Amino acid sequence: MATAKGGEKLDGGVLEHAVIAAQGWEGFTITTDDGHPATLAVVDERGQIIESGPELVSELWAVAVMSYRRFLIKEKALKVWSEPSGLFEERE
């Protein structure tokens, strides 16, 4: 389904208050439903925010792109992930 901004809206979205957009040259953009800037956070099992902000958004984008590139070129990387020491991928 096309949106007024010329993008494509996914059917069946589950978010109630946030808008997440992605463009290949820009990465993820996160806003509130009324258009104000927002960000992502990683929350541990105790409810503590352990990562947040633009660095998290950039790293999430890097992992997503690396995983998708591996898929496109049919490499057998089972998993791509990031941790404090860098980006990694697991192979068969």
C-alpha atoms as a PDB file:
ATOM      1  CA  MET A   1       0.000   0.000   0.000  1.00  0.00           C
ATOM      2  CA  ALA A   2       1.531   3.355  -1.005  1.00  0.00           C
ATOM      3  CA  THR A   3       1.620   6.251   1.426  1.00  0.00           C
ATOM      4  CA  ALA A   4       1.164   9.948   0.757  1.00  0.00           C
ATOM      5  CA  LYS A   5       4.949  10.438   0.969  1.00  0.00           C
ATOM      6  CA  GLY A   6       5.560   7.971  -1.874  1.00  0.00           C
ATOM      7  CA  GLY A   7       6.767   5.179   0.399  1.00  0.00           C
ATOM      8  CA  GLU A   8       5.250   1.813   1.079  1.00  0.00           C
ATOM      9  CA  LYS A   9       3.320   1.054   4.255  1.00  0.00           C
ATOM     10  CA  LEU A  10       3.427  -2.469   5.657  1.00  0.00           C
ATOM     11  CA  ASP A  11       0.070  -4.078   6.305  1.00  0.00           C
ATOM     12  CA  GLY A  12      -0.491  -5.465   9.781  1.00  0.00           C
ATOM     13  CA  GLY A  13       1.788  -3.101  11.703  1.00  0.00           C
ATOM     14  CA  VAL A  14       1.678  -3.568  15.470  1.00  0.00           C
ATOM     15  CA  LEU A  15       3.157  -0.310  16.790  1.00  0.00           C
ATOM     16  CA  GLU A  16       0.741   2.002  18.566  1.00  0.00           C
ATOM     17  CA  HIS A  17       2.816   5.151  19.172  1.00  0.00           C
ATOM     18  CA  ALA A  18       5.963   5.016  17.026  1.00  0.00           C
ATOM     19  CA  VAL A  19       6.778   5.247  13.333  1.00  0.00           C
ATOM     20  CA  ILE A  20       9.856   3.435  12.003  1.00  0.00           C
ATOM     21  CA  ALA A  21      10.972   4.222   8.464  1.00  0.00           C
ATOM     22  CA  ALA A  22      13.954   2.868   6.527  1.00  0.00           C
ATOM     23  CA  GLN A  23      15.751   4.126   3.449  1.00  0.00           C
ATOM     24  CA  GLY A  24      18.826   2.481   1.975  1.00  0.00           C
ATOM     25  CA  TRP A  25      20.904   5.673   1.958  1.00  0.00           C
ATOM     26  CA  GLU A  26      19.671   6.987   5.315  1.00  0.00           C
ATOM     27  CA  GLY A  27      19.074   3.999   7.608  1.00  0.00           C
ATOM     28  CA  PHE A  28      16.280   3.919  10.163  1.00  0.00           C
ATOM     29  CA  THR A  29      14.317   6.993  11.203  1.00  0.00           C
ATOM     30  CA  ILE A  30      12.177   6.702  14.323  1.00  0.00           C
ATOM     31  CA  THR A  31       9.495   9.246  15.234  1.00  0.00           C
ATOM     32  CA  THR A  32       6.416   9.459  17.408  1.00  0.00           C
ATOM     33  CA  ASP A  33       3.070   9.040  15.685  1.00  0.00           C
ATOM     34  CA  ASP A  34       2.723  12.833  15.559  1.00  0.00           C
ATOM     35  CA  GLY A  35       6.124  13.285  13.865  1.00  0.00           C
ATOM     36  CA  HIS A  36       8.435  14.201  16.757  1.00  0.00           C
ATOM     37  CA  PRO A  37      11.919  12.622  16.883  1.00  0.00           C
ATOM     38  CA  ALA A  38      12.295   9.426  18.909  1.00  0.00           C
ATOM     39  CA  THR A  39      14.933   6.730  19.345  1.00  0.00           C
ATOM     40  CA  LEU A  40      15.269   3.046  20.153  1.00  0.00           C
ATOM     41  CA  ALA A  41      16.408   1.480  23.407  1.00  0.00           C
ATOM     42  CA  VAL A  42      17.493  -1.973  24.555  1.00  0.00           C
ATOM     43  CA  VAL A  43      15.874  -2.840  27.884  1.00  0.00           C
ATOM     44  CA  ASP A  44      17.196  -5.723  29.986  1.00  0.00           C
ATOM     45  CA  GLU A  45      15.049  -8.166  31.950  1.00  0.00           C
ATOM     46  CA  ARG A  46      15.072  -5.850  34.990  1.00  0.00           C
ATOM     47  CA  GLY A  47      13.702  -2.954  32.958  1.00  0.00           C
ATOM     48  CA  GLN A  48      17.010  -1.060  32.815  1.00  0.00           C
ATOM     49  CA  ILE A  49      17.916   0.718  29.571  1.00  0.00           C
ATOM     50  CA  ILE A  50      21.323  -0.669  28.617  1.00  0.00           C
ATOM     51  CA  GLU A  51      21.710   0.938  25.160  1.00  0.00           C
ATOM     52  CA  SER A  52      19.872   3.779  23.435  1.00  0.00           C
ATOM     53  CA  GLY A  53      20.219   6.637  21.019  1.00  0.00           C
ATOM     54  CA  PRO A  54      21.625   7.209  17.548  1.00  0.00           C
ATOM     55  CA  GLU A  55      24.509   4.764  18.036  1.00  0.00           C
ATOM     56  CA  LEU A  56      22.044   1.926  18.700  1.00  0.00           C
ATOM     57  CA  VAL A  57      19.987   2.867  15.650  1.00  0.00           C
ATOM     58  CA  SER A  58      23.126   2.950  13.457  1.00  0.00           C
ATOM     59  CA  GLU A  59      24.374  -0.383  14.759  1.00  0.00           C
ATOM     60  CA  LEU A  60      20.981  -2.000  14.233  1.00  0.00           C
ATOM     61  CA  TRP A  61      21.007  -0.739  10.656  1.00  0.00           C
ATOM     62  CA  ALA A  62      24.544  -2.116  10.093  1.00  0.00           C
ATOM     63  CA  VAL A  63      23.508  -5.568  11.354  1.00  0.00           C
ATOM     64  CA  ALA A  64      20.340  -5.562   9.223  1.00  0.00           C
ATOM     65  CA  VAL A  65      22.219  -4.502   6.067  1.00  0.00           C
ATOM     66  CA  MET A  66      25.026  -7.021   6.599  1.00  0.00           C
ATOM     67  CA  SER A  67      22.526  -9.827   7.137  1.00  0.00           C
ATOM     68  CA  TYR A  68      20.512  -8.855   4.057  1.00  0.00           C
ATOM     69  CA  ARG A  69      23.621  -8.581   1.871  1.00  0.00           C
ATOM     70  CA  ARG A  70      24.668 -12.078   2.927  1.00  0.00           C
ATOM     71  CA  PHE A  71      21.177 -13.313   2.047  1.00  0.00           C
ATOM     72  CA  LEU A  72      21.295 -11.661  -1.400  1.00  0.00           C
ATOM     73  CA  ILE A  73      24.635 -13.189  -2.340  1.00  0.00           C
ATOM     74  CA  LYS A  74      23.532 -16.535  -0.914  1.00  0.00           C
ATOM     75  CA  GLU A  75      26.325 -16.754   1.633  1.00  0.00           C
ATOM     76  CA  LYS A  76      25.584 -19.257   4.339  1.00  0.00           C
ATOM     77  CA  ALA A  77      25.984 -16.868   7.262  1.00  0.00           C
ATOM     78  CA  LEU A  78      23.511 -18.145   9.821  1.00  0.00           C
ATOM     79  CA  LYS A  79      23.607 -15.130  12.061  1.00  0.00           C
ATOM     80  CA  VAL A  80      24.977 -11.584  12.074  1.00  0.00           C
ATOM     81  CA  TRP A  81      25.334  -9.721  15.355  1.00  0.00           C
ATOM     82  CA  SER A  82      27.002  -6.810  17.088  1.00  0.00           C
ATOM     83  CA  GLU A  83      28.548  -6.646  20.536  1.00  0.00           C
ATOM     84  CA  PRO A  84      30.940  -4.252  22.277  1.00  0.00           C
ATOM     85  CA  SER A  85      33.931  -5.694  20.414  1.00  0.00           C
ATOM     86  CA  GLY A  86      32.404  -5.310  16.937  1.00  0.00           C
ATOM     87  CA  LEU A  87      30.213  -6.846  14.235  1.00  0.00           C
ATOM     88  CA  PHE A  88      30.325 -10.610  13.701  1.00  0.00           C
ATOM     89  CA  GLU A  89      28.780 -13.304  11.562  1.00  0.00           C
ATOM     90  CA  GLU A  90      28.435 -17.020  12.170  1.00  0.00           C
ATOM     91  CA  ARG A  91      28.960 -19.403   9.269  1.00  0.00           C
ATOM     92  CA  GLU A  92      27.777 -22.971   8.663  1.00  0.00           C
END
